[in-house]
C-alpha atoms as a PDB file:
ATOM      1  CA  UNK A   1     -43.667 -13.905 -22.588  1.00  0.00           C
ATOM      2  CA  UNK A   2     -47.162 -12.951 -23.518  1.00  0.00           C
ATOM      3  CA  UNK A   3     -49.689 -14.742 -25.754  1.00  0.00           C
ATOM      4  CA  UNK A   4     -50.223 -13.254 -29.178  1.00  0.00           C
ATOM      5  CA  UNK A   5     -53.191 -10.922 -29.551  1.00  0.00           C
ATOM      6  CA  UNK A   6     -56.038 -12.140 -31.713  1.00  0.00           C
ATOM      7  CA  UNK A   7     -55.198  -9.751 -34.508  1.00  0.00           C
ATOM      8  CA  UNK A   8     -51.548 -10.856 -34.525  1.00  0.00           C
ATOM      9  CA  UNK A   9     -52.543 -14.490 -34.313  1.00  0.00           C
ATOM     10  CA  UNK A  10     -54.765 -14.298 -37.412  1.00  0.00           C
ATOM     11  CA  UNK A  11     -51.843 -12.913 -39.427  1.00  0.00           C
ATOM     12  CA  UNK A  12     -49.495 -15.635 -38.331  1.00  0.00           C
ATOM     13  CA  UNK A  13     -51.965 -18.528 -38.901  1.00  0.00           C
ATOM     14  CA  UNK A  14     -53.070 -17.167 -42.237  1.00  0.00           C
ATOM     15  CA  UNK A  15     -49.560 -17.127 -43.561  1.00  0.00           C
ATOM     16  CA  UNK A  16     -48.746 -20.142 -45.752  1.00  0.00           C
ATOM     17  CA  UNK A  17     -46.424 -20.906 -48.562  1.00  0.00           C
ATOM     18  CA  UNK A  18     -49.041 -20.068 -51.083  1.00  0.00           C
ATOM     19  CA  UNK A  19     -50.695 -17.146 -49.261  1.00  0.00           C
ATOM     20  CA  UNK A  20     -48.425 -14.243 -48.185  1.00  0.00           C
ATOM     21  CA  UNK A  21     -50.020 -12.093 -45.475  1.00  0.00           C
ATOM     22  CA  UNK A  22     -47.109  -9.588 -45.739  1.00  0.00           C
ATOM     23  CA  UNK A  23     -45.478 -10.881 -42.514  1.00  0.00           C
ATOM     24  CA  UNK A  24     -41.838 -10.299 -42.897  1.00  0.00           C
ATOM     25  CA  UNK A  25     -40.487 -10.713 -39.404  1.00  0.00           C
ATOM     26  CA  UNK A  26     -41.748 -11.697 -35.960  1.00  0.00           C
ATOM     27  CA  UNK A  27     -39.640 -10.828 -32.877  1.00  0.00           C
ATOM     28  CA  UNK A  28     -40.362 -12.609 -29.607  1.00  0.00           C
ATOM     29  CA  UNK A  29     -38.662 -10.862 -26.672  1.00  0.00           C
ATOM     30  CA  UNK A  30     -38.234 -13.014 -23.513  1.00  0.00           C
ATOM     31  CA  UNK A  31     -37.586 -10.589 -20.596  1.00  0.00           C
ATOM     32  CA  UNK A  32     -35.747 -13.231 -18.599  1.00  0.00           C
ATOM     33  CA  UNK A  33     -32.912 -13.021 -21.244  1.00  0.00           C
ATOM     34  CA  UNK A  34     -32.692  -9.221 -21.224  1.00  0.00           C
ATOM     35  CA  UNK A  35     -30.152  -7.310 -19.164  1.00  0.00           C
ATOM     36  CA  UNK A  36     -31.722  -6.817 -15.712  1.00  0.00           C
ATOM     37  CA  UNK A  37     -34.733  -8.874 -16.718  1.00  0.00           C
ATOM     38  CA  UNK A  38     -36.529  -6.101 -18.416  1.00  0.00           C
ATOM     39  CA  UNK A  39     -36.985  -5.118 -22.089  1.00  0.00           C
ATOM     40  CA  UNK A  40     -37.235  -1.358 -22.379  1.00  0.00           C
ATOM     41  CA  UNK A  41     -38.825   0.596 -25.237  1.00  0.00           C
ATOM     42  CA  UNK A  42     -35.670   2.610 -25.852  1.00  0.00           C
ATOM     43  CA  UNK A  43     -33.751  -0.698 -25.995  1.00  0.00           C
ATOM     44  CA  UNK A  44     -36.056  -1.976 -28.432  1.00  0.00           C
ATOM     45  CA  UNK A  45     -35.731   0.966 -30.643  1.00  0.00           C
ATOM     46  CA  UNK A  46     -31.987   0.812 -30.469  1.00  0.00           C
ATOM     47  CA  UNK A  47     -32.028  -2.777 -31.523  1.00  0.00           C
ATOM     48  CA  UNK A  48     -34.281  -2.011 -34.566  1.00  0.00           C
ATOM     49  CA  UNK A  49     -32.157   0.967 -35.549  1.00  0.00           C
ATOM     50  CA  UNK A  50     -29.072  -1.180 -35.373  1.00  0.00           C
ATOM     51  CA  UNK A  51     -30.499  -3.567 -37.973  1.00  0.00           C
ATOM     52  CA  UNK A  52     -32.310  -1.194 -40.429  1.00  0.00           C
ATOM     53  CA  UNK A  53     -29.360  -1.467 -42.765  1.00  0.00           C
ATOM     54  CA  UNK A  54     -30.286  -5.127 -43.345  1.00  0.00           C
ATOM     55  CA  UNK A  55     -33.791  -4.336 -44.542  1.00  0.00           C
ATOM     56  CA  UNK A  56     -34.291  -4.519 -48.341  1.00  0.00           C
ATOM     57  CA  UNK A  57     -36.391  -1.376 -48.181  1.00  0.00           C
ATOM     58  CA  UNK A  58     -33.437   0.547 -46.672  1.00  0.00           C
ATOM     59  CA  UNK A  59     -30.915  -1.253 -48.791  1.00  0.00           C
ATOM     60  CA  UNK A  60     -32.592  -0.009 -52.081  1.00  0.00           C
ATOM     61  CA  UNK A  61     -33.449  -3.118 -53.684  1.00  0.00           C
ATOM     62  CA  UNK A  62     -33.133  -1.719 -57.244  1.00  0.00           C
ATOM     63  CA  UNK A  63     -29.523  -0.655 -56.775  1.00  0.00           C
ATOM     64  CA  UNK A  64     -28.573  -3.992 -55.228  1.00  0.00           C
ATOM     65  CA  UNK A  65     -29.584  -5.949 -58.402  1.00  0.00           C
ATOM     66  CA  UNK A  66     -27.825  -3.424 -60.751  1.00  0.00           C
ATOM     67  CA  UNK A  67     -24.981  -5.785 -61.539  1.00  0.00           C
ATOM     68  CA  UNK A  68     -27.375  -8.550 -62.582  1.00  0.00           C
ATOM     69  CA  UNK A  69     -29.027  -6.350 -65.091  1.00  0.00           C
ATOM     70  CA  UNK A  70     -25.911  -5.501 -67.106  1.00  0.00           C
ATOM     71  CA  UNK A  71     -26.588  -5.778 -70.819  1.00  0.00           C
ATOM     72  CA  UNK A  72     -30.298  -5.304 -70.397  1.00  0.00           C
ATOM     73  CA  UNK A  73     -31.280  -2.093 -72.144  1.00  0.00           C
ATOM     74  CA  UNK A  74     -34.727  -2.177 -70.661  1.00  0.00           C
ATOM     75  CA  UNK A  75     -35.991  -4.110 -67.702  1.00  0.00           C
ATOM     76  CA  UNK A  76     -39.155  -4.480 -65.531  1.00  0.00           C
ATOM     77  CA  UNK A  77     -39.628  -4.106 -61.790  1.00  0.00           C
ATOM     78  CA  UNK A  78     -42.627  -4.188 -59.492  1.00  0.00           C
ATOM     79  CA  UNK A  79     -43.705  -4.020 -55.828  1.00  0.00           C
ATOM     80  CA  UNK A  80     -44.821  -7.617 -55.770  1.00  0.00           C
ATOM     81  CA  UNK A  81     -47.755  -7.006 -53.432  1.00  0.00           C
ATOM     82  CA  UNK A  82     -50.322  -6.150 -56.246  1.00  0.00           C
ATOM     83  CA  UNK A  83     -52.343  -8.162 -58.593  1.00  0.00           C
ATOM     84  CA  UNK A  84     -53.381  -7.052 -62.038  1.00  0.00           C
ATOM     85  CA  UNK A  85     -54.149  -8.149 -65.548  1.00  0.00           C
ATOM     86  CA  UNK A  86     -52.031  -5.201 -66.817  1.00  0.00           C
ATOM     87  CA  UNK A  87     -50.988  -5.919 -70.481  1.00  0.00           C
ATOM     88  CA  UNK A  88     -47.145  -5.715 -69.987  1.00  0.00           C
ATOM     89  CA  UNK A  89     -46.509  -5.820 -73.758  1.00  0.00           C
ATOM     90  CA  UNK A  90     -48.658  -2.638 -74.214  1.00  0.00           C
ATOM     91  CA  UNK A  91     -47.021  -0.918 -71.271  1.00  0.00           C
ATOM     92  CA  UNK A  92     -43.547  -1.665 -72.721  1.00  0.00           C
ATOM     93  CA  UNK A  93     -44.656  -0.473 -76.193  1.00  0.00           C
ATOM     94  CA  UNK A  94     -46.047   2.660 -74.678  1.00  0.00           C
ATOM     95  CA  UNK A  95     -42.731   3.253 -72.857  1.00  0.00           C
ATOM     96  CA  UNK A  96     -40.681   2.843 -76.044  1.00  0.00           C
ATOM     97  CA  UNK A  97     -43.056   5.273 -77.943  1.00  0.00           C
ATOM     98  CA  UNK A  98     -42.459   7.962 -75.260  1.00  0.00           C
ATOM     99  CA  UNK A  99     -38.694   7.233 -75.349  1.00  0.00           C
ATOM    100  CA  UNK A 100     -38.375   8.063 -71.641  1.00  0.00           C
ATOM    101  CA  UNK A 101     -36.096   6.758 -68.866  1.00  0.00           C
ATOM    102  CA  UNK A 102     -38.837   5.293 -66.751  1.00  0.00           C
ATOM    103  CA  UNK A 103     -42.552   4.693 -66.813  1.00  0.00           C
ATOM    104  CA  UNK A 104     -45.000   3.254 -64.310  1.00  0.00           C
ATOM    105  CA  UNK A 105     -48.572   2.047 -64.428  1.00  0.00           C
ATOM    106  CA  UNK A 106     -51.130   4.400 -62.978  1.00  0.00           C
ATOM    107  CA  UNK A 107     -54.244   2.668 -61.688  1.00  0.00           C
ATOM    108  CA  UNK A 108     -57.523   3.439 -59.922  1.00  0.00           C
ATOM    109  CA  UNK A 109     -57.414   2.882 -56.155  1.00  0.00           C
ATOM    110  CA  UNK A 110     -59.828   0.174 -54.873  1.00  0.00           C
ATOM    111  CA  UNK A 111     -59.729   1.730 -51.287  1.00  0.00           C
ATOM    112  CA  UNK A 112     -63.094   2.692 -49.911  1.00  0.00           C
ATOM    113  CA  UNK A 113     -62.207   6.296 -48.991  1.00  0.00           C
ATOM    114  CA  UNK A 114     -64.538   9.082 -50.322  1.00  0.00           C
ATOM    115  CA  UNK A 115     -63.189  11.939 -52.356  1.00  0.00           C
ATOM    116  CA  UNK A 116     -64.603  15.519 -51.733  1.00  0.00           C
ATOM    117  CA  UNK A 117     -64.791  18.409 -54.140  1.00  0.00           C
ATOM    118  CA  UNK A 118     -65.595  21.810 -52.901  1.00  0.00           C
ATOM    119  CA  UNK A 119     -65.738  25.454 -54.018  1.00  0.00           C
ATOM    120  CA  UNK A 120     -63.515  28.134 -52.692  1.00  0.00           C
ATOM    121  CA  UNK A 121     -66.162  29.194 -50.184  1.00  0.00           C
ATOM    122  CA  UNK A 122     -66.056  25.741 -48.494  1.00  0.00           C
ATOM    123  CA  UNK A 123     -69.386  24.463 -49.986  1.00  0.00           C
ATOM    124  CA  UNK A 124     -69.311  20.871 -51.128  1.00  0.00           C
ATOM    125  CA  UNK A 125     -69.891  20.444 -54.834  1.00  0.00           C
ATOM    126  CA  UNK A 126     -69.406  16.624 -54.995  1.00  0.00           C
ATOM    127  CA  UNK A 127     -68.484  13.552 -53.183  1.00  0.00           C
ATOM    128  CA  UNK A 128     -67.876   9.951 -54.344  1.00  0.00           C
ATOM    129  CA  UNK A 129     -65.776   6.832 -54.053  1.00  0.00           C
ATOM    130  CA  UNK A 130     -62.036   7.299 -54.583  1.00  0.00           C
ATOM    131  CA  UNK A 131     -62.050   4.589 -57.189  1.00  0.00           C
ATOM    132  CA  UNK A 132     -64.779   6.403 -59.148  1.00  0.00           C
ATOM    133  CA  UNK A 133     -62.754   9.587 -59.375  1.00  0.00           C
ATOM    134  CA  UNK A 134     -60.296  10.765 -62.032  1.00  0.00           C
ATOM    135  CA  UNK A 135     -57.580  10.076 -59.477  1.00  0.00           C
ATOM    136  CA  UNK A 136     -54.817   7.519 -60.272  1.00  0.00           C
ATOM    137  CA  UNK A 137     -52.189   6.203 -57.963  1.00  0.00           C
ATOM    138  CA  UNK A 138     -48.784   4.327 -58.536  1.00  0.00           C
ATOM    139  CA  UNK A 139     -49.581   0.757 -59.373  1.00  0.00           C
ATOM    140  CA  UNK A 140     -46.196  -0.427 -58.659  1.00  0.00           C
ATOM    141  CA  UNK A 141     -45.342  -1.794 -62.105  1.00  0.00           C
ATOM    142  CA  UNK A 142     -42.314  -0.125 -63.793  1.00  0.00           C
ATOM    143  CA  UNK A 143     -40.475  -0.168 -67.096  1.00  0.00           C
ATOM    144  CA  UNK A 144     -36.941   1.180 -66.689  1.00  0.00           C
ATOM    145  CA  UNK A 145     -33.800   1.842 -68.720  1.00  0.00           C
ATOM    146  CA  UNK A 146     -30.282   1.337 -67.566  1.00  0.00           C
ATOM    147  CA  UNK A 147     -29.908   5.066 -67.255  1.00  0.00           C
ATOM    148  CA  UNK A 148     -32.251   5.005 -64.209  1.00  0.00           C
ATOM    149  CA  UNK A 149     -29.337   4.171 -62.226  1.00  0.00           C
ATOM    150  CA  UNK A 150     -27.640   7.498 -63.078  1.00  0.00           C
ATOM    151  CA  UNK A 151     -30.383   9.419 -61.214  1.00  0.00           C
ATOM    152  CA  UNK A 152     -30.489   7.257 -58.015  1.00  0.00           C
ATOM    153  CA  UNK A 153     -28.289   8.204 -55.257  1.00  0.00           C
ATOM    154  CA  UNK A 154     -27.414   6.207 -52.132  1.00  0.00           C
ATOM    155  CA  UNK A 155     -30.121   6.321 -49.564  1.00  0.00           C
ATOM    156  CA  UNK A 156     -32.896   7.466 -51.954  1.00  0.00           C
ATOM    157  CA  UNK A 157     -36.287   5.933 -52.618  1.00  0.00           C
ATOM    158  CA  UNK A 158     -37.007   5.352 -56.381  1.00  0.00           C
ATOM    159  CA  UNK A 159     -40.366   7.175 -56.582  1.00  0.00           C
ATOM    160  CA  UNK A 160     -39.179  10.187 -54.584  1.00  0.00           C
ATOM    161  CA  UNK A 161     -35.962  12.044 -55.474  1.00  0.00           C
ATOM    162  CA  UNK A 162     -35.022  10.070 -58.564  1.00  0.00           C
ATOM    163  CA  UNK A 163     -38.481  10.375 -60.144  1.00  0.00           C
ATOM    164  CA  UNK A 164     -38.527  14.046 -59.326  1.00  0.00           C
ATOM    165  CA  UNK A 165     -35.366  14.430 -61.288  1.00  0.00           C
ATOM    166  CA  UNK A 166     -36.935  12.610 -64.215  1.00  0.00           C
ATOM    167  CA  UNK A 167     -39.986  14.836 -64.063  1.00  0.00           C
ATOM    168  CA  UNK A 168     -37.757  17.976 -64.184  1.00  0.00           C
ATOM    169  CA  UNK A 169     -36.174  16.443 -67.388  1.00  0.00           C
ATOM    170  CA  UNK A 170     -39.407  15.202 -68.875  1.00  0.00           C
ATOM    171  CA  UNK A 171     -38.156  11.687 -68.744  1.00  0.00           C
ATOM    172  CA  UNK A 172     -40.887  10.017 -66.571  1.00  0.00           C
ATOM    173  CA  UNK A 173     -43.712   8.451 -68.356  1.00  0.00           C
ATOM    174  CA  UNK A 174     -46.979   6.956 -67.131  1.00  0.00           C
ATOM    175  CA  UNK A 175     -49.221   4.247 -68.560  1.00  0.00           C
ATOM    176  CA  UNK A 176     -52.801   4.782 -67.474  1.00  0.00           C
ATOM    177  CA  UNK A 177     -54.508   1.551 -66.952  1.00  0.00           C
ATOM    178  CA  UNK A 178     -58.150   1.319 -65.832  1.00  0.00           C
ATOM    179  CA  UNK A 179     -58.455  -2.483 -65.747  1.00  0.00           C
ATOM    180  CA  UNK A 180     -58.137  -4.847 -62.793  1.00  0.00           C
ATOM    181  CA  UNK A 181     -55.673  -4.052 -60.200  1.00  0.00           C
ATOM    182  CA  UNK A 182     -55.710  -4.730 -56.476  1.00  0.00           C
ATOM    183  CA  UNK A 183     -53.101  -4.562 -53.771  1.00  0.00           C
ATOM    184  CA  UNK A 184     -52.716  -6.696 -50.657  1.00  0.00           C
ATOM    185  CA  UNK A 185     -51.487  -4.538 -47.972  1.00  0.00           C
ATOM    186  CA  UNK A 186     -53.789  -5.585 -45.015  1.00  0.00           C
ATOM    187  CA  UNK A 187     -55.475  -8.718 -43.690  1.00  0.00           C
ATOM    188  CA  UNK A 188     -58.762  -7.366 -45.102  1.00  0.00           C
ATOM    189  CA  UNK A 189     -57.140  -7.175 -48.598  1.00  0.00           C
ATOM    190  CA  UNK A 190     -56.091 -10.780 -48.178  1.00  0.00           C
ATOM    191  CA  UNK A 191     -59.662 -11.938 -47.211  1.00  0.00           C
ATOM    192  CA  UNK A 192     -61.206 -10.118 -50.199  1.00  0.00           C
ATOM    193  CA  UNK A 193     -58.683 -11.748 -52.602  1.00  0.00           C
ATOM    194  CA  UNK A 194     -59.067 -15.208 -51.071  1.00  0.00           C
ATOM    195  CA  UNK A 195     -62.795 -14.931 -51.552  1.00  0.00           C
ATOM    196  CA  UNK A 196     -62.391 -13.882 -55.175  1.00  0.00           C
ATOM    197  CA  UNK A 197     -60.184 -16.910 -55.760  1.00  0.00           C
ATOM    198  CA  UNK A 198     -62.629 -19.184 -54.036  1.00  0.00           C
ATOM    199  CA  UNK A 199     -65.360 -18.199 -56.454  1.00  0.00           C
ATOM    200  CA  UNK A 200     -63.177 -18.370 -59.552  1.00  0.00           C
ATOM    201  CA  UNK A 201     -63.119 -14.610 -59.985  1.00  0.00           C
ATOM    202  CA  UNK A 202     -59.323 -14.230 -60.715  1.00  0.00           C
ATOM    203  CA  UNK A 203     -58.719 -11.568 -63.495  1.00  0.00           C
ATOM    204  CA  UNK A 204     -55.065 -11.566 -62.618  1.00  0.00           C
ATOM    205  CA  UNK A 205     -54.587 -15.354 -63.636  1.00  0.00           C
ATOM    206  CA  UNK A 206     -53.878 -14.522 -67.266  1.00  0.00           C
ATOM    207  CA  UNK A 207     -52.111 -17.942 -67.720  1.00  0.00           C
ATOM    208  CA  UNK A 208     -55.497 -19.589 -67.242  1.00  0.00           C
ATOM    209  CA  UNK A 209     -57.149 -17.632 -70.002  1.00  0.00           C
ATOM    210  CA  UNK A 210     -57.328 -18.987 -73.626  1.00  0.00           C
ATOM    211  CA  UNK A 211     -54.598 -17.602 -75.712  1.00  0.00           C
ATOM    212  CA  UNK A 212     -55.575 -15.663 -78.735  1.00  0.00           C
ATOM    213  CA  UNK A 213     -54.814 -17.176 -82.069  1.00  0.00           C
END
């Protein structure tokens, strides 16, 4: 066995019951227990492929909870790795006004990529931060009707084929939200959010804000 690299060790030791570093699984392979005393890359791939059906991502989490949602005309779902002060009541009300099958929150990206605008002749006409552009991404907060299950087939990802079917039927809505939204996909994201919490800058903690009225 080999010692964990520094980057891997930081993820492992940063993971606590109150701070998820998005570590879902750690495999430790001991060559002494492998056939012939060696772990080959092909063998590793074969092992992973044999267990993909156990992963929630590949098992389609939404379909797997369908039986628990019977009787719920409308329900919510989210990716669970994003923080926001999104007003859910307004999102739901917007969804009902549009009378669609599904709706999701579209938000500004907080990534540091730059966007580029150019003319047809290849001359740049503008450049700026992605978050400052009129470009929104899927924020991972959904409002759905029971009929969403009628457009999801086995092996499909919600926002790909099923959403395309809804687009064709004009049954997919979007709630544009320009307030606070942050995702935690990397160790850098975790550090940023930890620092915000340390200084008391936590817009997502709505339960700590005074209630109106």
